[in-house]
PDB file of all heavy atoms in Angstrom:
ATOM      1  N   SER A   1       0.853  -1.185   0.030  1.00  0.00           N
ATOM      2  CA  SER A   1       0.001   0.057  -0.055  1.00  0.00           C
ATOM      3  C   SER A   1       0.898   1.283   0.045  1.00  0.00           C
ATOM      4  O   SER A   1       0.463   2.344  -0.559  1.00  0.00           O
ATOM      5  CB  SER A   1      -0.943  -0.002   1.211  1.00  0.00           C
ATOM      6  OG  SER A   1      -1.922  -1.094   1.190  1.00  0.00           O
ATOM      7  N   GLN A   2       2.105   1.153   0.590  1.00  0.00           N
ATOM      8  CA  GLN A   2       2.940   2.336   0.622  1.00  0.00           C
ATOM      9  C   GLN A   2       3.378   2.667  -0.809  1.00  0.00           C
ATOM     10  O   GLN A   2       3.467   3.951  -1.140  1.00  0.00           O
ATOM     11  CB  GLN A   2       4.160   2.016   1.520  1.00  0.00           C
ATOM     12  CG  GLN A   2       3.871   1.884   2.996  1.00  0.00           C
ATOM     13  CD  GLN A   2       3.365   0.489   3.347  1.00  0.00           C
ATOM     14  OE1 GLN A   2       3.161  -0.359   2.485  1.00  0.00           O
ATOM     15  NE2 GLN A   2       2.855   0.412   4.572  1.00  0.00           N
ATOM     16  N   ASP A   3       3.720   1.696  -1.591  1.00  0.00           N
ATOM     17  CA  ASP A   3       4.117   1.976  -2.997  1.00  0.00           C
ATOM     18  C   ASP A   3       2.990   2.589  -3.800  1.00  0.00           C
ATOM     19  O   ASP A   3       3.148   3.481  -4.549  1.00  0.00           O
ATOM     20  CB  ASP A   3       4.687   0.639  -3.604  1.00  0.00           C
ATOM     21  CG  ASP A   3       5.991   0.252  -3.127  1.00  0.00           C
ATOM     22  OD1 ASP A   3       6.747   1.062  -2.436  1.00  0.00           O
ATOM     23  OD2 ASP A   3       6.349  -0.979  -3.189  1.00  0.00           O
ATOM     24  N   LEU A   4       1.786   1.947  -3.502  1.00  0.00           N
ATOM     25  CA  LEU A   4       0.590   2.432  -4.150  1.00  0.00           C
ATOM     26  C   LEU A   4       0.327   3.939  -3.813  1.00  0.00           C
ATOM     27  O   LEU A   4       0.112   4.761  -4.737  1.00  0.00           O
ATOM     28  CB  LEU A   4      -0.663   1.609  -3.903  1.00  0.00           C
ATOM     29  CG  LEU A   4      -1.965   2.076  -4.328  1.00  0.00           C
ATOM     30  CD1 LEU A   4      -2.064   2.158  -5.720  1.00  0.00           C
ATOM     31  CD2 LEU A   4      -3.190   1.281  -3.693  1.00  0.00           C
ATOM     32  N   LEU A   5       0.410   4.263  -2.559  1.00  0.00           N
ATOM     33  CA  LEU A   5       0.051   5.647  -2.103  1.00  0.00           C
ATOM     34  C   LEU A   5       1.164   6.548  -2.819  1.00  0.00           C
ATOM     35  O   LEU A   5       0.785   7.657  -3.121  1.00  0.00           O
ATOM     36  CB  LEU A   5       0.164   5.641  -0.632  1.00  0.00           C
ATOM     37  CG  LEU A   5      -0.079   7.062  -0.010  1.00  0.00           C
ATOM     38  CD1 LEU A   5      -1.507   7.533  -0.410  1.00  0.00           C
ATOM     39  CD2 LEU A   5       0.045   6.932   1.531  1.00  0.00           C
ATOM     40  N   ALA A   6       2.446   6.090  -2.839  1.00  0.00           N
ATOM     41  CA  ALA A   6       3.423   6.935  -3.517  1.00  0.00           C
ATOM     42  C   ALA A   6       3.036   7.241  -4.977  1.00  0.00           C
ATOM     43  O   ALA A   6       3.201   8.403  -5.482  1.00  0.00           O
ATOM     44  CB  ALA A   6       4.848   6.336  -3.371  1.00  0.00           C
ATOM     45  N   GLY A   7       2.517   6.203  -5.615  1.00  0.00           N
ATOM     46  CA  GLY A   7       2.138   6.378  -7.025  1.00  0.00           C
ATOM     47  C   GLY A   7       0.984   7.303  -7.188  1.00  0.00           C
ATOM     48  O   GLY A   7       0.889   8.119  -8.187  1.00  0.00           O
ATOM     49  N   VAL A   8       0.084   7.311  -6.212  1.00  0.00           N
ATOM     50  CA  VAL A   8      -1.135   8.226  -6.249  1.00  0.00           C
ATOM     51  C   VAL A   8      -0.598   9.664  -5.989  1.00  0.00           C
ATOM     52  O   VAL A   8      -0.994  10.515  -6.739  1.00  0.00           O
ATOM     53  CB  VAL A   8      -2.009   7.882  -5.170  1.00  0.00           C
ATOM     54  CG1 VAL A   8      -3.198   8.963  -5.003  1.00  0.00           C
ATOM     55  CG2 VAL A   8      -2.753   6.504  -5.385  1.00  0.00           C
ATOM     56  N   LYS A   9       0.329   9.824  -5.065  1.00  0.00           N
ATOM     57  CA  LYS A   9       0.758  11.137  -4.773  1.00  0.00           C
ATOM     58  C   LYS A   9       1.523  11.837  -5.820  1.00  0.00           C
ATOM     59  O   LYS A   9       1.649  13.081  -5.989  1.00  0.00           O
ATOM     60  CB  LYS A   9       1.590  11.192  -3.473  1.00  0.00           C
ATOM     61  CG  LYS A   9       0.667  10.875  -2.305  1.00  0.00           C
ATOM     62  CD  LYS A   9       1.383  11.053  -0.879  1.00  0.00           C
ATOM     63  CE  LYS A   9       0.422  10.920   0.321  1.00  0.00           C
ATOM     64  NZ  LYS A   9       1.117  11.058   1.575  1.00  0.00           N
ATOM     65  N   THR A  10       2.072  11.044  -6.693  1.00  0.00           N
ATOM     66  CA  THR A  10       2.816  11.591  -7.820  1.00  0.00           C
ATOM     67  C   THR A  10       1.972  11.713  -9.148  1.00  0.00           C
ATOM     68  O   THR A  10       2.418  12.111 -10.149  1.00  0.00           O
ATOM     69  CB  THR A  10       4.066  10.684  -8.310  1.00  0.00           C
ATOM     70  OG1 THR A  10       3.591   9.403  -8.571  1.00  0.00           O
ATOM     71  CG2 THR A  10       5.092  10.623  -7.068  1.00  0.00           C
ATOM     72  N   GLY A  11       0.654  11.301  -8.974  1.00  0.00           N
ATOM     73  CA  GLY A  11      -0.265  11.346 -10.080  1.00  0.00           C
ATOM     74  C   GLY A  11      -0.172  10.300 -11.087  1.00  0.00           C
ATOM     75  O   GLY A  11      -0.815  10.396 -12.152  1.00  0.00           O
ATOM     76  N   GLU A  12       0.447   9.184 -10.764  1.00  0.00           N
ATOM     77  CA  GLU A  12       0.637   8.124 -11.593  1.00  0.00           C
ATOM     78  C   GLU A  12      -0.683   7.291 -11.725  1.00  0.00           C
ATOM     79  O   GLU A  12      -0.945   6.660 -12.757  1.00  0.00           O
ATOM     80  CB  GLU A  12       1.771   7.185 -11.140  1.00  0.00           C
ATOM     81  CG  GLU A  12       2.110   6.028 -11.969  1.00  0.00           C
ATOM     82  CD  GLU A  12       3.239   5.222 -11.373  1.00  0.00           C
ATOM     83  OE1 GLU A  12       3.161   4.748 -10.204  1.00  0.00           O
ATOM     84  OE2 GLU A  12       4.163   4.919 -12.186  1.00  0.00           O
ATOM     85  N   ILE A  13      -1.502   7.375 -10.681  1.00  0.00           N
ATOM     86  CA  ILE A  13      -2.767   6.613 -10.721  1.00  0.00           C
ATOM     87  C   ILE A  13      -4.022   7.464 -10.888  1.00  0.00           C
ATOM     88  O   ILE A  13      -4.070   8.531 -10.293  1.00  0.00           O
ATOM     89  CB  ILE A  13      -2.894   5.849  -9.364  1.00  0.00           C
ATOM     90  CG1 ILE A  13      -1.620   4.938  -9.084  1.00  0.00           C
ATOM     91  CG2 ILE A  13      -4.131   5.012  -9.295  1.00  0.00           C
ATOM     92  CD1 ILE A  13      -1.484   3.769 -10.157  1.00  0.00           C
ATOM     93  N   ASP A  14      -4.820   7.007 -11.771  1.00  0.00           N
ATOM     94  CA  ASP A  14      -6.026   7.810 -12.120  1.00  0.00           C
ATOM     95  C   ASP A  14      -7.262   7.269 -11.238  1.00  0.00           C
ATOM     96  O   ASP A  14      -8.175   8.078 -10.957  1.00  0.00           O
ATOM     97  CB  ASP A  14      -6.414   7.645 -13.580  1.00  0.00           C
ATOM     98  CG  ASP A  14      -5.325   8.198 -14.540  1.00  0.00           C
ATOM     99  OD1 ASP A  14      -4.541   9.003 -14.077  1.00  0.00           O
ATOM    100  OD2 ASP A  14      -5.212   7.598 -15.544  1.00  0.00           O
ATOM    101  N   LEU A  15      -7.284   5.945 -10.954  1.00  0.00           N
ATOM    102  CA  LEU A  15      -8.455   5.424 -10.451  1.00  0.00           C
ATOM    103  C   LEU A  15      -8.095   4.313  -9.385  1.00  0.00           C
ATOM    104  O   LEU A  15      -7.373   3.500  -9.575  1.00  0.00           O
ATOM    105  CB  LEU A  15      -9.351   4.798 -11.506  1.00  0.00           C
ATOM    106  CG  LEU A  15     -10.667   4.194 -11.092  1.00  0.00           C
ATOM    107  CD1 LEU A  15     -11.664   5.164 -10.454  1.00  0.00           C
ATOM    108  CD2 LEU A  15     -11.352   3.423 -12.274  1.00  0.00           C
ATOM    109  N   LEU A  16      -8.813   4.358  -8.208  1.00  0.00           N
ATOM    110  CA  LEU A  16      -8.652   3.303  -7.179  1.00  0.00           C
ATOM    111  C   LEU A  16     -10.152   2.979  -6.763  1.00  0.00           C
ATOM    112  O   LEU A  16     -10.945   3.799  -6.727  1.00  0.00           O
ATOM    113  CB  LEU A  16      -7.888   3.849  -5.916  1.00  0.00           C
ATOM    114  CG  LEU A  16      -6.433   4.201  -6.113  1.00  0.00           C
ATOM    115  CD1 LEU A  16      -5.998   4.837  -4.836  1.00  0.00           C
ATOM    116  CD2 LEU A  16      -5.563   2.995  -6.470  1.00  0.00           C
ATOM    117  N   TYR A  17     -10.353   1.683  -6.519  1.00  0.00           N
ATOM    118  CA  TYR A  17     -11.635   1.336  -6.053  1.00  0.00           C
ATOM    119  C   TYR A  17     -11.478   0.065  -5.154  1.00  0.00           C
ATOM    120  O   TYR A  17     -10.610  -0.631  -5.248  1.00  0.00           O
ATOM    121  CB  TYR A  17     -12.682   1.071  -7.171  1.00  0.00           C
ATOM    122  CG  TYR A  17     -12.204   0.044  -8.219  1.00  0.00           C
ATOM    123  CD1 TYR A  17     -12.583  -1.253  -8.136  1.00  0.00           C
ATOM    124  CD2 TYR A  17     -11.358   0.467  -9.280  1.00  0.00           C
ATOM    125  CE1 TYR A  17     -12.111  -2.225  -9.141  1.00  0.00           C
ATOM    126  CE2 TYR A  17     -10.988  -0.436 -10.291  1.00  0.00           C
ATOM    127  CZ  TYR A  17     -11.362  -1.737 -10.087  1.00  0.00           C
ATOM    128  OH  TYR A  17     -10.923  -2.655 -11.179  1.00  0.00           O
ATOM    129  N   THR A  18     -12.436  -0.003  -4.157  1.00  0.00           N
ATOM    130  CA  THR A  18     -12.318  -1.013  -3.165  1.00  0.00           C
ATOM    131  C   THR A  18     -12.174  -2.376  -3.658  1.00  0.00           C
ATOM    132  O   THR A  18     -11.421  -3.225  -3.078  1.00  0.00           O
ATOM    133  CB  THR A  18     -13.493  -0.932  -2.246  1.00  0.00           C
ATOM    134  OG1 THR A  18     -13.594   0.407  -1.612  1.00  0.00           O
ATOM    135  CG2 THR A  18     -13.431  -2.000  -1.180  1.00  0.00           C
ATOM    136  N   GLY A  19     -12.814  -2.710  -4.780  1.00  0.00           N
ATOM    137  CA  GLY A  19     -12.765  -4.035  -5.287  1.00  0.00           C
ATOM    138  C   GLY A  19     -11.348  -4.463  -5.689  1.00  0.00           C
ATOM    139  O   GLY A  19     -11.026  -5.660  -5.688  1.00  0.00           O
ATOM    140  N   ALA A  20     -10.575  -3.417  -6.087  1.00  0.00           N
ATOM    141  CA  ALA A  20      -9.235  -3.749  -6.590  1.00  0.00           C
ATOM    142  C   ALA A  20      -8.234  -3.616  -5.439  1.00  0.00           C
ATOM    143  O   ALA A  20      -7.241  -4.419  -5.249  1.00  0.00           O
ATOM    144  CB  ALA A  20      -8.860  -2.923  -7.822  1.00  0.00           C
ATOM    145  N   THR A  21      -8.309  -2.507  -4.738  1.00  0.00           N
ATOM    146  CA  THR A  21      -7.328  -2.210  -3.559  1.00  0.00           C
ATOM    147  C   THR A  21      -8.013  -1.217  -2.604  1.00  0.00           C
ATOM    148  O   THR A  21      -8.971  -0.620  -2.952  1.00  0.00           O
ATOM    149  CB  THR A  21      -6.039  -1.646  -4.205  1.00  0.00           C
ATOM    150  OG1 THR A  21      -5.066  -1.593  -3.214  1.00  0.00           O
ATOM    151  CG2 THR A  21      -6.298  -0.230  -4.692  1.00  0.00           C
ATOM    152  N   SER A  22      -7.400  -1.126  -1.519  1.00  0.00           N
ATOM    153  CA  SER A  22      -8.078  -0.324  -0.466  1.00  0.00           C
ATOM    154  C   SER A  22      -6.966   0.395   0.287  1.00  0.00           C
ATOM    155  O   SER A  22      -6.127  -0.249   0.955  1.00  0.00           O
ATOM    156  CB  SER A  22      -8.834  -1.118   0.530  1.00  0.00           C
ATOM    157  OG  SER A  22      -9.500  -0.338   1.457  1.00  0.00           O
ATOM    158  N   LEU A  23      -6.965   1.686   0.297  1.00  0.00           N
ATOM    159  CA  LEU A  23      -5.943   2.547   1.189  1.00  0.00           C
ATOM    160  C   LEU A  23      -6.519   2.708   2.548  1.00  0.00           C
ATOM    161  O   LEU A  23      -7.764   2.765   2.674  1.00  0.00           O
ATOM    162  CB  LEU A  23      -5.809   3.900   0.481  1.00  0.00           C
ATOM    163  CG  LEU A  23      -4.982   3.914  -0.878  1.00  0.00           C
ATOM    164  CD1 LEU A  23      -5.001   5.380  -1.370  1.00  0.00           C
ATOM    165  CD2 LEU A  23      -3.505   3.578  -0.487  1.00  0.00           C
ATOM    166  N   PRO A  24      -5.686   2.800   3.468  1.00  0.00           N
ATOM    167  CA  PRO A  24      -6.119   3.050   4.822  1.00  0.00           C
ATOM    168  C   PRO A  24      -6.862   4.437   4.884  1.00  0.00           C
ATOM    169  O   PRO A  24      -6.597   5.298   4.066  1.00  0.00           O
ATOM    170  CB  PRO A  24      -4.747   3.153   5.604  1.00  0.00           C
ATOM    171  CG  PRO A  24      -3.768   2.411   4.877  1.00  0.00           C
ATOM    172  CD  PRO A  24      -4.123   2.609   3.410  1.00  0.00           C
ATOM    173  N   SER A  25      -7.815   4.556   5.892  1.00  0.00           N
ATOM    174  CA  SER A  25      -8.533   5.802   6.001  1.00  0.00           C
ATOM    175  C   SER A  25      -7.672   6.998   6.136  1.00  0.00           C
ATOM    176  O   SER A  25      -7.985   8.057   5.522  1.00  0.00           O
ATOM    177  CB  SER A  25      -9.551   5.635   7.038  1.00  0.00           C
ATOM    178  OG  SER A  25     -10.506   4.679   6.743  1.00  0.00           O
ATOM    179  N   LEU A  26      -6.640   6.914   6.899  1.00  0.00           N
ATOM    180  CA  LEU A  26      -5.839   8.113   7.086  1.00  0.00           C
ATOM    181  C   LEU A  26      -5.136   8.561   5.780  1.00  0.00           C
ATOM    182  O   LEU A  26      -4.993   9.714   5.597  1.00  0.00           O
ATOM    183  CB  LEU A  26      -4.672   7.820   8.120  1.00  0.00           C
ATOM    184  CG  LEU A  26      -5.176   7.595   9.574  1.00  0.00           C
ATOM    185  CD1 LEU A  26      -4.061   7.282  10.548  1.00  0.00           C
ATOM    186  CD2 LEU A  26      -5.870   8.897  10.060  1.00  0.00           C
ATOM    187  N   ALA A  27      -4.777   7.535   4.932  1.00  0.00           N
ATOM    188  CA  ALA A  27      -4.132   7.883   3.644  1.00  0.00           C
ATOM    189  C   ALA A  27      -5.136   8.608   2.762  1.00  0.00           C
ATOM    190  O   ALA A  27      -4.808   9.540   1.948  1.00  0.00           O
ATOM    191  CB  ALA A  27      -3.716   6.607   2.953  1.00  0.00           C
ATOM    192  N   LEU A  28      -6.394   8.237   2.869  1.00  0.00           N
ATOM    193  CA  LEU A  28      -7.409   8.902   1.977  1.00  0.00           C
ATOM    194  C   LEU A  28      -7.626  10.334   2.395  1.00  0.00           C
ATOM    195  O   LEU A  28      -7.930  11.210   1.472  1.00  0.00           O
ATOM    196  CB  LEU A  28      -8.800   8.169   2.169  1.00  0.00           C
ATOM    197  CG  LEU A  28      -8.919   6.730   1.604  1.00  0.00           C
ATOM    198  CD1 LEU A  28     -10.216   6.050   2.070  1.00  0.00           C
ATOM    199  CD2 LEU A  28      -8.708   6.709   0.106  1.00  0.00           C
ATOM    200  N   SER A  29      -7.389  10.784   3.660  1.00  0.00           N
ATOM    201  CA  SER A  29      -7.593  12.120   3.977  1.00  0.00           C
ATOM    202  C   SER A  29      -6.385  12.906   3.665  1.00  0.00           C
ATOM    203  O   SER A  29      -6.388  14.140   3.868  1.00  0.00           O
ATOM    204  CB  SER A  29      -7.802  12.140   5.478  1.00  0.00           C
ATOM    205  OG  SER A  29      -6.666  11.562   6.205  1.00  0.00           O
ATOM    206  N   SER A  30      -5.289  12.330   3.166  1.00  0.00           N
ATOM    207  CA  SER A  30      -4.038  13.069   2.945  1.00  0.00           C
ATOM    208  C   SER A  30      -3.650  13.113   1.361  1.00  0.00           C
ATOM    209  O   SER A  30      -2.478  13.383   1.062  1.00  0.00           O
ATOM    210  CB  SER A  30      -2.895  12.404   3.704  1.00  0.00           C
ATOM    211  OG  SER A  30      -2.580  11.074   3.249  1.00  0.00           O
ATOM    212  N   LEU A  31      -4.654  12.773   0.610  1.00  0.00           N
ATOM    213  CA  LEU A  31      -4.375  12.691  -0.826  1.00  0.00           C
ATOM    214  C   LEU A  31      -4.325  14.097  -1.455  1.00  0.00           C
ATOM    215  O   LEU A  31      -4.833  15.070  -0.887  1.00  0.00           O
ATOM    216  CB  LEU A  31      -5.422  11.961  -1.555  1.00  0.00           C
ATOM    217  CG  LEU A  31      -5.591  10.518  -1.228  1.00  0.00           C
ATOM    218  CD1 LEU A  31      -6.811   9.840  -1.966  1.00  0.00           C
ATOM    219  CD2 LEU A  31      -4.376   9.678  -1.547  1.00  0.00           C
ATOM    220  N   PRO A  32      -3.622  14.247  -2.602  1.00  0.00           N
ATOM    221  CA  PRO A  32      -3.617  15.636  -3.268  1.00  0.00           C
ATOM    222  C   PRO A  32      -5.048  16.044  -3.548  1.00  0.00           C
ATOM    223  O   PRO A  32      -5.871  15.271  -3.728  1.00  0.00           O
ATOM    224  CB  PRO A  32      -2.757  15.333  -4.555  1.00  0.00           C
ATOM    225  CG  PRO A  32      -1.909  14.163  -4.226  1.00  0.00           C
ATOM    226  CD  PRO A  32      -2.759  13.333  -3.272  1.00  0.00           C
ATOM    227  N   SER A  33      -5.161  17.450  -3.657  1.00  0.00           N
ATOM    228  CA  SER A  33      -6.541  17.954  -3.803  1.00  0.00           C
ATOM    229  C   SER A  33      -7.213  17.569  -5.039  1.00  0.00           C
ATOM    230  O   SER A  33      -8.490  17.602  -5.223  1.00  0.00           O
ATOM    231  CB  SER A  33      -6.487  19.474  -3.853  1.00  0.00           C
ATOM    232  OG  SER A  33      -5.591  19.918  -4.805  1.00  0.00           O
ATOM    233  N   SER A  34      -6.468  17.136  -6.045  1.00  0.00           N
ATOM    234  CA  SER A  34      -7.085  16.741  -7.436  1.00  0.00           C
ATOM    235  C   SER A  34      -7.846  15.346  -7.293  1.00  0.00           C
ATOM    236  O   SER A  34      -8.663  15.059  -8.124  1.00  0.00           O
ATOM    237  CB  SER A  34      -6.052  16.648  -8.507  1.00  0.00           C
ATOM    238  OG  SER A  34      -5.070  15.640  -8.139  1.00  0.00           O
ATOM    239  N   TYR A  35      -7.500  14.611  -6.198  1.00  0.00           N
ATOM    240  CA  TYR A  35      -8.154  13.321  -6.046  1.00  0.00           C
ATOM    241  C   TYR A  35      -9.485  13.490  -5.249  1.00  0.00           C
ATOM    242  O   TYR A  35      -9.560  14.123  -4.237  1.00  0.00           O
ATOM    243  CB  TYR A  35      -7.248  12.306  -5.271  1.00  0.00           C
ATOM    244  CG  TYR A  35      -6.228  11.798  -6.167  1.00  0.00           C
ATOM    245  CD1 TYR A  35      -4.908  12.346  -6.275  1.00  0.00           C
ATOM    246  CD2 TYR A  35      -6.405  10.644  -7.007  1.00  0.00           C
ATOM    247  CE1 TYR A  35      -3.903  11.942  -7.149  1.00  0.00           C
ATOM    248  CE2 TYR A  35      -5.379  10.179  -7.825  1.00  0.00           C
ATOM    249  CZ  TYR A  35      -4.154  10.783  -7.842  1.00  0.00           C
ATOM    250  OH  TYR A  35      -3.210  10.276  -8.706  1.00  0.00           O
ATOM    251  N   LYS A  36     -10.459  13.008  -5.823  1.00  0.00           N
ATOM    252  CA  LYS A  36     -11.816  12.960  -5.249  1.00  0.00           C
ATOM    253  C   LYS A  36     -12.095  11.600  -4.592  1.00  0.00           C
ATOM    254  O   LYS A  36     -11.819  10.611  -5.274  1.00  0.00           O
ATOM    255  CB  LYS A  36     -12.879  13.277  -6.230  1.00  0.00           C
ATOM    256  CG  LYS A  36     -12.599  14.584  -7.058  1.00  0.00           C
ATOM    257  CD  LYS A  36     -12.468  15.844  -6.103  1.00  0.00           C
ATOM    258  CE  LYS A  36     -12.152  17.105  -6.859  1.00  0.00           C
ATOM    259  NZ  LYS A  36     -11.813  18.238  -5.956  1.00  0.00           N
ATOM    260  N   VAL A  37     -12.646  11.662  -3.442  1.00  0.00           N
ATOM    261  CA  VAL A  37     -12.946  10.471  -2.636  1.00  0.00           C
ATOM    262  C   VAL A  37     -14.544  10.242  -2.641  1.00  0.00           C
ATOM    263  O   VAL A  37     -15.170  11.100  -2.057  1.00  0.00           O
ATOM    264  CB  VAL A  37     -12.397  10.372  -1.278  1.00  0.00           C
ATOM    265  CG1 VAL A  37     -12.755   9.112  -0.574  1.00  0.00           C
ATOM    266  CG2 VAL A  37     -10.904  10.496  -1.347  1.00  0.00           C
ATOM    267  N   ILE A  38     -15.007   9.166  -3.192  1.00  0.00           N
ATOM    268  CA  ILE A  38     -16.447   8.871  -3.161  1.00  0.00           C
ATOM    269  C   ILE A  38     -16.622   7.675  -2.226  1.00  0.00           C
ATOM    270  O   ILE A  38     -15.974   6.604  -2.475  1.00  0.00           O
ATOM    271  CB  ILE A  38     -17.042   8.509  -4.612  1.00  0.00           C
ATOM    272  CG1 ILE A  38     -16.558   9.610  -5.564  1.00  0.00           C
ATOM    273  CG2 ILE A  38     -18.452   8.334  -4.593  1.00  0.00           C
ATOM    274  CD1 ILE A  38     -17.340  10.905  -5.386  1.00  0.00           C
ATOM    275  N   SER A  39     -17.586   7.845  -1.315  1.00  0.00           N
ATOM    276  CA  SER A  39     -17.842   6.753  -0.313  1.00  0.00           C
ATOM    277  C   SER A  39     -19.267   6.298  -0.536  1.00  0.00           C
ATOM    278  O   SER A  39     -20.186   7.110  -0.450  1.00  0.00           O
ATOM    279  CB  SER A  39     -17.634   7.160   1.134  1.00  0.00           C
ATOM    280  OG  SER A  39     -16.248   7.457   1.340  1.00  0.00           O
ATOM    281  N   ILE A  40     -19.498   5.094  -0.897  1.00  0.00           N
ATOM    282  CA  ILE A  40     -20.919   4.562  -1.055  1.00  0.00           C
ATOM    283  C   ILE A  40     -21.172   3.591  -0.008  1.00  0.00           C
ATOM    284  O   ILE A  40     -20.608   2.544   0.214  1.00  0.00           O
ATOM    285  CB  ILE A  40     -21.020   3.779  -2.428  1.00  0.00           C
ATOM    286  CG1 ILE A  40     -20.497   4.750  -3.611  1.00  0.00           C
ATOM    287  CG2 ILE A  40     -22.322   3.237  -2.712  1.00  0.00           C
ATOM    288  CD1 ILE A  40     -19.080   4.493  -4.014  1.00  0.00           C
ATOM    289  N   PRO A  41     -22.088   3.988   0.924  1.00  0.00           N
ATOM    290  CA  PRO A  41     -22.544   3.105   2.027  1.00  0.00           C
ATOM    291  C   PRO A  41     -23.050   1.743   1.449  1.00  0.00           C
ATOM    292  O   PRO A  41     -23.821   1.751   0.640  1.00  0.00           O
ATOM    293  CB  PRO A  41     -23.649   3.921   2.761  1.00  0.00           C
ATOM    294  CG  PRO A  41     -23.370   5.317   2.417  1.00  0.00           C
ATOM    295  CD  PRO A  41     -22.877   5.301   0.912  1.00  0.00           C
ATOM    296  N   GLN A  42     -22.631   0.657   2.078  1.00  0.00           N
ATOM    297  CA  GLN A  42     -23.102  -0.659   1.767  1.00  0.00           C
ATOM    298  C   GLN A  42     -24.134  -1.129   2.894  1.00  0.00           C
ATOM    299  O   GLN A  42     -24.114  -0.493   3.920  1.00  0.00           O
ATOM    300  CB  GLN A  42     -21.980  -1.595   1.687  1.00  0.00           C
ATOM    301  CG  GLN A  42     -20.998  -1.308   0.586  1.00  0.00           C
ATOM    302  CD  GLN A  42     -19.870  -2.184   0.473  1.00  0.00           C
ATOM    303  OE1 GLN A  42     -19.951  -3.217  -0.272  1.00  0.00           O
ATOM    304  NE2 GLN A  42     -18.756  -2.022   1.211  1.00  0.00           N
TER     305      GLN A  42
END
């Protein structure tokens, strides 16, 4: 997850979703402003 988060912060990743991978909640709150977080209650 650390390598993934690094890729997100450099803009390498366009899309993340729970089915494929899941970042820790704290990481979600520290993403660059261009990243939008959508939470869908199950």
